[in-house]
């Protein structure tokens, strides 16, 4: 289901499914020596490393991200095979949010 709010389309979660938003600010070095600085949602995981170990997806989503001063506040989908290292910049946000679609 897709809803339009103020002209923007927003996907709605499946009924009865909750999603925990627990962003961690990170600096990621890629194999081409470039950097991505942004946030990764670790959701129900306790640590950032668990997201990389437990999630079989070959990609990770980095949001509120920048790759230069000219390219900021973007969302990147990064192939894990292109990541050299990930450095957490701070502790996970204390303001976690849990969204649940009531049905």
N, C-alpha and C. Protein backbone atom coordinates (compact mmCIF):
# COMPACT_ATOMS: atom_id res chain seq x y z
N UNK A 1 0.83 -1.17 0.00
CA UNK A 1 0.00 0.00 0.00
C UNK A 1 0.88 1.24 0.00
N UNK A 2 0.55 2.22 -0.82
CA UNK A 2 1.30 3.46 -0.90
C UNK A 2 0.36 4.61 -0.62
N UNK A 3 0.76 5.47 0.31
CA UNK A 3 -0.04 6.65 0.63
C UNK A 3 0.67 7.89 0.13
N UNK A 4 -0.08 8.87 -0.26
CA UNK A 4 0.50 10.14 -0.67
C UNK A 4 0.26 11.15 0.43
N UNK A 5 1.34 11.70 0.96
CA UNK A 5 1.26 12.69 2.03
C UNK A 5 1.99 13.93 1.54
N UNK A 6 1.27 15.00 1.32
CA UNK A 6 1.90 16.24 0.86
C UNK A 6 2.62 16.07 -0.46
N UNK A 7 2.11 15.22 -1.31
CA UNK A 7 2.72 15.03 -2.62
C UNK A 7 3.78 13.93 -2.65
N UNK A 8 4.26 13.49 -1.48
CA UNK A 8 5.29 12.46 -1.44
C UNK A 8 4.64 11.11 -1.17
N UNK A 9 5.14 10.08 -1.82
CA UNK A 9 4.62 8.74 -1.59
C UNK A 9 5.39 8.11 -0.44
N UNK A 10 4.65 7.46 0.44
CA UNK A 10 5.26 6.83 1.60
C UNK A 10 4.72 5.42 1.73
N UNK A 11 5.62 4.43 1.74
CA UNK A 11 5.20 3.04 1.89
C UNK A 11 4.76 2.81 3.32
N UNK A 12 3.70 2.05 3.49
CA UNK A 12 3.17 1.75 4.80
C UNK A 12 3.63 0.36 5.22
N UNK A 13 3.97 0.19 6.52
CA UNK A 13 4.37 -1.13 6.98
C UNK A 13 3.21 -2.11 6.91
N UNK A 14 3.54 -3.38 6.83
CA UNK A 14 2.54 -4.43 6.81
C UNK A 14 1.81 -4.46 8.16
N UNK A 15 0.52 -4.74 8.14
CA UNK A 15 -0.27 -4.77 9.37
C UNK A 15 0.34 -5.78 10.34
N UNK A 16 0.50 -5.34 11.60
CA UNK A 16 1.02 -6.20 12.64
C UNK A 16 2.53 -6.30 12.68
N UNK A 17 3.23 -5.57 11.82
CA UNK A 17 4.69 -5.62 11.79
C UNK A 17 5.22 -4.33 12.41
N UNK A 18 6.18 -4.46 13.33
CA UNK A 18 6.79 -3.27 13.90
C UNK A 18 8.22 -3.14 13.39
N UNK A 19 8.71 -1.91 13.43
CA UNK A 19 10.06 -1.66 12.97
C UNK A 19 10.72 -0.72 13.97
N UNK A 20 11.86 -1.12 14.46
CA UNK A 20 12.57 -0.32 15.44
C UNK A 20 13.61 0.53 14.71
N UNK A 21 13.61 1.81 14.99
CA UNK A 21 14.57 2.73 14.39
C UNK A 21 15.61 3.05 15.46
N UNK A 22 16.82 2.54 15.26
CA UNK A 22 17.92 2.75 16.21
C UNK A 22 19.17 3.10 15.40
N UNK A 23 19.31 4.38 15.02
CA UNK A 23 20.42 4.77 14.14
C UNK A 23 21.75 4.88 14.87
N UNK A 24 22.82 4.51 14.16
CA UNK A 24 24.18 4.64 14.66
C UNK A 24 24.95 5.47 13.62
N UNK A 25 25.58 6.54 14.09
CA UNK A 25 26.39 7.36 13.20
C UNK A 25 27.70 6.63 12.92
N UNK A 26 28.06 6.52 11.63
CA UNK A 26 29.24 5.75 11.24
C UNK A 26 30.05 6.49 10.18
N UNK A 27 31.32 6.11 10.10
CA UNK A 27 32.21 6.51 9.01
C UNK A 27 32.62 5.22 8.33
N UNK A 28 32.39 5.13 7.02
CA UNK A 28 32.68 3.91 6.26
C UNK A 28 33.75 4.21 5.22
N UNK A 29 34.81 3.39 5.21
CA UNK A 29 35.84 3.50 4.17
C UNK A 29 35.55 2.44 3.12
N UNK A 30 35.55 2.87 1.85
CA UNK A 30 35.28 1.95 0.74
C UNK A 30 36.57 1.56 0.05
N UNK A 31 36.51 0.53 -0.77
CA UNK A 31 37.70 0.00 -1.43
C UNK A 31 38.37 1.01 -2.37
N UNK A 32 37.62 2.01 -2.85
CA UNK A 32 38.21 3.03 -3.72
C UNK A 32 38.80 4.19 -2.92
N UNK A 33 38.96 3.99 -1.59
CA UNK A 33 39.50 4.98 -0.65
C UNK A 33 38.59 6.16 -0.40
N UNK A 34 37.35 6.10 -0.81
CA UNK A 34 36.39 7.16 -0.48
C UNK A 34 35.72 6.83 0.85
N UNK A 35 35.03 7.82 1.40
CA UNK A 35 34.36 7.65 2.69
C UNK A 35 32.89 8.02 2.56
N UNK A 36 32.06 7.34 3.34
CA UNK A 36 30.66 7.69 3.50
C UNK A 36 30.46 7.92 4.99
N UNK A 37 29.90 9.07 5.35
CA UNK A 37 29.58 9.35 6.74
C UNK A 37 28.08 9.50 6.83
N UNK A 38 27.46 8.71 7.69
CA UNK A 38 26.01 8.77 7.81
C UNK A 38 25.53 7.85 8.92
N UNK A 39 24.26 7.48 8.85
CA UNK A 39 23.65 6.65 9.88
C UNK A 39 23.20 5.32 9.30
N UNK A 40 23.37 4.28 10.10
CA UNK A 40 22.88 2.94 9.77
C UNK A 40 21.89 2.56 10.86
N UNK A 41 20.72 2.06 10.46
CA UNK A 41 19.73 1.60 11.44
C UNK A 41 20.08 0.17 11.84
N UNK A 42 20.40 -0.02 13.14
CA UNK A 42 20.70 -1.38 13.59
C UNK A 42 19.44 -2.09 14.09
N UNK A 43 18.31 -1.38 14.11
CA UNK A 43 17.03 -2.00 14.44
C UNK A 43 17.04 -2.72 15.76
N UNK A 44 16.76 -4.02 15.74
CA UNK A 44 16.67 -4.81 16.97
C UNK A 44 18.01 -5.40 17.39
N UNK A 45 19.06 -5.14 16.63
CA UNK A 45 20.38 -5.63 17.02
C UNK A 45 20.90 -4.78 18.18
N UNK A 46 21.82 -5.34 18.96
CA UNK A 46 22.40 -4.64 20.09
C UNK A 46 23.61 -3.82 19.66
N UNK A 47 24.39 -4.37 18.73
CA UNK A 47 25.63 -3.71 18.29
C UNK A 47 25.64 -3.60 16.77
N UNK A 48 26.41 -2.65 16.29
CA UNK A 48 26.57 -2.45 14.86
C UNK A 48 27.14 -3.69 14.18
N UNK A 49 28.10 -4.33 14.82
CA UNK A 49 28.73 -5.51 14.23
C UNK A 49 27.72 -6.63 13.98
N UNK A 50 26.69 -6.74 14.82
CA UNK A 50 25.68 -7.78 14.65
C UNK A 50 24.90 -7.59 13.36
N UNK A 51 24.72 -6.34 12.95
CA UNK A 51 24.02 -6.08 11.69
C UNK A 51 24.79 -6.68 10.51
N UNK A 52 26.11 -6.58 10.55
CA UNK A 52 26.93 -7.13 9.46
C UNK A 52 27.05 -8.65 9.56
N UNK A 53 27.06 -9.18 10.75
CA UNK A 53 27.21 -10.62 10.94
C UNK A 53 25.89 -11.36 10.72
N UNK A 54 24.81 -10.86 11.28
CA UNK A 54 23.52 -11.57 11.28
C UNK A 54 22.66 -11.31 10.05
N UNK A 55 22.89 -10.22 9.35
CA UNK A 55 22.05 -9.87 8.20
C UNK A 55 22.67 -10.43 6.92
N UNK A 56 22.01 -11.36 6.24
CA UNK A 56 22.59 -11.97 5.04
C UNK A 56 22.57 -11.08 3.80
N UNK A 57 21.89 -9.93 3.87
CA UNK A 57 21.82 -9.05 2.71
C UNK A 57 23.22 -8.56 2.32
N UNK A 58 23.54 -8.53 1.03
CA UNK A 58 24.85 -8.05 0.60
C UNK A 58 24.95 -6.52 0.64
N UNK A 59 23.87 -5.85 1.04
CA UNK A 59 23.86 -4.38 1.03
C UNK A 59 23.53 -3.84 2.41
N UNK A 60 23.96 -2.61 2.66
CA UNK A 60 23.62 -1.90 3.88
C UNK A 60 23.15 -0.50 3.46
N UNK A 61 22.10 -0.01 4.12
CA UNK A 61 21.55 1.30 3.81
C UNK A 61 22.16 2.32 4.76
N UNK A 62 22.72 3.39 4.20
CA UNK A 62 23.28 4.48 4.98
C UNK A 62 22.45 5.72 4.65
N UNK A 63 21.82 6.31 5.69
CA UNK A 63 20.95 7.46 5.46
C UNK A 63 21.49 8.67 6.19
N UNK A 64 20.92 9.84 5.88
CA UNK A 64 21.45 11.12 6.39
C UNK A 64 22.95 11.16 6.14
N UNK A 65 23.36 10.73 4.95
CA UNK A 65 24.77 10.49 4.66
C UNK A 65 25.37 11.55 3.75
N UNK A 66 26.71 11.62 3.81
CA UNK A 66 27.47 12.53 2.97
C UNK A 66 28.69 11.81 2.44
N UNK A 67 29.06 12.14 1.20
CA UNK A 67 30.32 11.63 0.64
C UNK A 67 31.28 12.77 0.35
N UNK A 68 30.77 14.00 0.44
CA UNK A 68 31.58 15.20 0.28
C UNK A 68 30.78 16.37 0.81
N UNK A 69 31.38 17.55 0.83
CA UNK A 69 30.63 18.73 1.28
C UNK A 69 29.50 19.08 0.32
N UNK A 70 29.63 18.65 -0.92
CA UNK A 70 28.62 18.96 -1.94
C UNK A 70 27.48 17.94 -1.97
N UNK A 71 27.72 16.74 -1.50
CA UNK A 71 26.71 15.68 -1.52
C UNK A 71 26.39 15.30 -0.08
N UNK A 72 25.30 15.89 0.46
CA UNK A 72 24.94 15.66 1.86
C UNK A 72 23.46 15.29 1.96
N UNK A 73 23.09 14.75 3.12
CA UNK A 73 21.70 14.37 3.41
C UNK A 73 21.12 13.44 2.35
N UNK A 74 21.88 12.46 1.96
CA UNK A 74 21.45 11.49 0.96
C UNK A 74 21.33 10.11 1.60
N UNK A 75 20.71 9.21 0.89
CA UNK A 75 20.63 7.81 1.29
C UNK A 75 21.41 6.99 0.28
N UNK A 76 22.33 6.18 0.77
CA UNK A 76 23.14 5.33 -0.09
C UNK A 76 22.89 3.87 0.25
N UNK A 77 22.86 3.03 -0.75
CA UNK A 77 22.80 1.59 -0.57
C UNK A 77 24.17 1.07 -0.96
N UNK A 78 24.93 0.62 0.03
CA UNK A 78 26.34 0.26 -0.17
C UNK A 78 26.48 -1.25 -0.18
N UNK A 79 27.19 -1.76 -1.17
CA UNK A 79 27.49 -3.18 -1.25
C UNK A 79 28.53 -3.50 -0.18
N UNK A 80 28.24 -4.45 0.70
CA UNK A 80 29.16 -4.80 1.78
C UNK A 80 30.52 -5.25 1.27
N UNK A 81 30.56 -5.80 0.06
CA UNK A 81 31.84 -6.26 -0.52
C UNK A 81 32.77 -5.09 -0.80
N UNK A 82 32.24 -3.87 -0.88
CA UNK A 82 33.06 -2.69 -1.15
C UNK A 82 33.48 -1.95 0.11
N UNK A 83 33.15 -2.49 1.28
CA UNK A 83 33.49 -1.84 2.54
C UNK A 83 34.80 -2.40 3.08
N UNK A 84 35.74 -1.48 3.40
CA UNK A 84 37.01 -1.86 4.02
C UNK A 84 36.83 -1.93 5.53
N UNK A 85 36.26 -0.87 6.10
CA UNK A 85 35.96 -0.85 7.53
C UNK A 85 34.81 0.11 7.83
N UNK A 86 34.20 -0.08 9.01
CA UNK A 86 33.11 0.77 9.50
C UNK A 86 33.49 1.21 10.90
N UNK A 87 33.49 2.52 11.13
CA UNK A 87 33.84 3.08 12.42
C UNK A 87 32.63 3.78 13.02
N UNK A 88 32.11 3.28 14.15
CA UNK A 88 31.02 4.00 14.81
C UNK A 88 31.55 5.34 15.33
N UNK A 89 30.83 6.41 15.06
CA UNK A 89 31.26 7.74 15.48
C UNK A 89 30.78 8.08 16.88
N UNK A 90 29.72 7.43 17.33
CA UNK A 90 29.17 7.68 18.66
C UNK A 90 28.30 6.51 19.06
N UNK A 91 27.83 6.52 20.28
CA UNK A 91 26.92 5.48 20.75
C UNK A 91 25.60 5.59 19.99
N UNK A 92 24.82 4.50 19.91
CA UNK A 92 23.51 4.59 19.25
C UNK A 92 22.65 5.68 19.89
N UNK A 93 21.84 6.33 19.07
CA UNK A 93 20.95 7.38 19.58
C UNK A 93 20.13 6.85 20.73
N UNK A 94 20.01 7.68 21.76
CA UNK A 94 19.21 7.29 22.91
C UNK A 94 17.72 7.36 22.59
N UNK A 95 17.36 8.15 21.59
CA UNK A 95 15.96 8.30 21.21
C UNK A 95 15.60 7.27 20.15
N UNK A 96 15.34 6.05 20.58
CA UNK A 96 14.91 5.02 19.66
C UNK A 96 13.42 5.22 19.39
N UNK A 97 13.00 4.80 18.24
CA UNK A 97 11.59 4.89 17.91
C UNK A 97 11.12 3.52 17.45
N UNK A 98 9.93 3.15 17.86
CA UNK A 98 9.34 1.89 17.40
C UNK A 98 8.05 2.25 16.70
N UNK A 99 7.93 1.83 15.44
CA UNK A 99 6.72 2.09 14.67
C UNK A 99 5.97 0.79 14.53
N UNK A 100 4.69 0.85 14.79
CA UNK A 100 3.86 -0.34 14.63
C UNK A 100 2.55 0.05 13.97
N UNK A 101 2.21 -0.68 12.96
CA UNK A 101 0.95 -0.47 12.26
C UNK A 101 -0.12 -1.22 13.03
N UNK A 102 -1.11 -0.49 13.51
CA UNK A 102 -2.20 -1.14 14.22
C UNK A 102 -3.27 -1.54 13.23
N UNK A 103 -3.82 -2.69 13.42
CA UNK A 103 -4.78 -3.15 12.43
C UNK A 103 -5.97 -3.79 12.97
